[in-house]
């Protein structure tokens, strides 16, 4: 299973949520859900986020150990 690192990259890149919301053309509720890892961006959205953060799509997610 994977979780996204959107919150990490926003802080790392010195961005604000409203900037990402506007660039992605998504609702604030969607953005908050992503940040909390309640839902995940689809592949196209992940690609667009990686471009905003100037990272690879792989850097956008982190594998989590389901056993612990």
C-alpha atoms as a PDB file:
ATOM      1  CA  UNK A   1       0.000   0.000   0.000  1.00  0.00           C
ATOM      2  CA  UNK A   2       1.139   3.540  -0.654  1.00  0.00           C
ATOM      3  CA  UNK A   3       0.546   6.964   0.814  1.00  0.00           C
ATOM      4  CA  UNK A   4       1.310  10.268  -0.817  1.00  0.00           C
ATOM      5  CA  UNK A   5       3.840  12.824   0.402  1.00  0.00           C
ATOM      6  CA  UNK A   6       1.972  15.923  -0.813  1.00  0.00           C
ATOM      7  CA  UNK A   7       2.166  17.646   2.561  1.00  0.00           C
ATOM      8  CA  UNK A   8       5.915  16.972   2.752  1.00  0.00           C
ATOM      9  CA  UNK A   9       6.594  18.402  -0.718  1.00  0.00           C
ATOM     10  CA  UNK A  10       4.478  21.499  -0.126  1.00  0.00           C
ATOM     11  CA  UNK A  11       6.572  22.294   2.931  1.00  0.00           C
ATOM     12  CA  UNK A  12       9.853  21.264   1.271  1.00  0.00           C
ATOM     13  CA  UNK A  13       9.220  23.480  -1.769  1.00  0.00           C
ATOM     14  CA  UNK A  14       7.863  26.403   0.286  1.00  0.00           C
ATOM     15  CA  UNK A  15       4.490  26.367  -1.444  1.00  0.00           C
ATOM     16  CA  UNK A  16       1.039  27.097  -0.075  1.00  0.00           C
ATOM     17  CA  UNK A  17      -1.990  24.892  -0.506  1.00  0.00           C
ATOM     18  CA  UNK A  18      -3.999  27.531  -2.343  1.00  0.00           C
ATOM     19  CA  UNK A  19      -1.335  27.684  -5.051  1.00  0.00           C
ATOM     20  CA  UNK A  20      -1.528  23.924  -5.599  1.00  0.00           C
ATOM     21  CA  UNK A  21      -5.342  23.971  -5.525  1.00  0.00           C
ATOM     22  CA  UNK A  22      -5.411  26.658  -8.208  1.00  0.00           C
ATOM     23  CA  UNK A  23      -2.753  25.003 -10.410  1.00  0.00           C
ATOM     24  CA  UNK A  24      -4.518  21.633 -10.152  1.00  0.00           C
ATOM     25  CA  UNK A  25      -8.003  23.118 -10.546  1.00  0.00           C
ATOM     26  CA  UNK A  26      -9.340  21.032  -7.656  1.00  0.00           C
ATOM     27  CA  UNK A  27     -11.525  21.790  -4.660  1.00  0.00           C
ATOM     28  CA  UNK A  28     -10.093  22.560  -1.251  1.00  0.00           C
ATOM     29  CA  UNK A  29     -11.895  19.457   0.065  1.00  0.00           C
ATOM     30  CA  UNK A  30     -10.090  17.256  -2.475  1.00  0.00           C
ATOM     31  CA  UNK A  31      -6.759  18.814  -1.568  1.00  0.00           C
ATOM     32  CA  UNK A  32      -7.334  18.299   2.165  1.00  0.00           C
ATOM     33  CA  UNK A  33      -8.349  14.691   1.548  1.00  0.00           C
ATOM     34  CA  UNK A  34      -5.116  14.100  -0.365  1.00  0.00           C
ATOM     35  CA  UNK A  35      -2.997  15.749   2.336  1.00  0.00           C
ATOM     36  CA  UNK A  36      -4.600  13.565   4.997  1.00  0.00           C
ATOM     37  CA  UNK A  37      -4.152  10.493   2.771  1.00  0.00           C
ATOM     38  CA  UNK A  38      -7.883   9.774   2.927  1.00  0.00           C
ATOM     39  CA  UNK A  39      -7.906   9.654  -0.874  1.00  0.00           C
ATOM     40  CA  UNK A  40      -5.172   9.641  -3.482  1.00  0.00           C
ATOM     41  CA  UNK A  41      -4.707  11.591  -6.707  1.00  0.00           C
ATOM     42  CA  UNK A  42      -5.220   9.574  -9.863  1.00  0.00           C
ATOM     43  CA  UNK A  43      -2.273   8.958 -12.175  1.00  0.00           C
ATOM     44  CA  UNK A  44      -2.845  12.081 -14.260  1.00  0.00           C
ATOM     45  CA  UNK A  45      -3.148  14.220 -11.124  1.00  0.00           C
ATOM     46  CA  UNK A  46      -0.014  12.647  -9.636  1.00  0.00           C
ATOM     47  CA  UNK A  47       1.863  13.487 -12.828  1.00  0.00           C
ATOM     48  CA  UNK A  48       0.670  17.099 -12.686  1.00  0.00           C
ATOM     49  CA  UNK A  49       1.629  17.352  -9.002  1.00  0.00           C
ATOM     50  CA  UNK A  50       5.098  16.017  -9.778  1.00  0.00           C
ATOM     51  CA  UNK A  51       5.514  18.795 -12.353  1.00  0.00           C
ATOM     52  CA  UNK A  52       4.404  21.442  -9.853  1.00  0.00           C
ATOM     53  CA  UNK A  53       6.832  20.118  -7.225  1.00  0.00           C
ATOM     54  CA  UNK A  54       9.557  19.457  -9.836  1.00  0.00           C
ATOM     55  CA  UNK A  55       9.991  15.878  -8.656  1.00  0.00           C
ATOM     56  CA  UNK A  56       9.366  12.429 -10.108  1.00  0.00           C
ATOM     57  CA  UNK A  57       6.022  10.712  -9.630  1.00  0.00           C
ATOM     58  CA  UNK A  58       7.908   8.079  -7.610  1.00  0.00           C
ATOM     59  CA  UNK A  59       9.006  10.790  -5.160  1.00  0.00           C
ATOM     60  CA  UNK A  60       5.370  11.723  -4.611  1.00  0.00           C
ATOM     61  CA  UNK A  61       4.493   8.471  -2.851  1.00  0.00           C
ATOM     62  CA  UNK A  62       5.861   6.288  -0.113  1.00  0.00           C
ATOM     63  CA  UNK A  63       5.273   2.599   0.420  1.00  0.00           C
ATOM     64  CA  UNK A  64       3.889   1.778   3.841  1.00  0.00           C
ATOM     65  CA  UNK A  65       4.223  -1.485   5.682  1.00  0.00           C
ATOM     66  CA  UNK A  66       0.729  -2.922   6.157  1.00  0.00           C
ATOM     67  CA  UNK A  67       1.871  -5.387   8.843  1.00  0.00           C
ATOM     68  CA  UNK A  68       2.574  -2.697  11.454  1.00  0.00           C
END
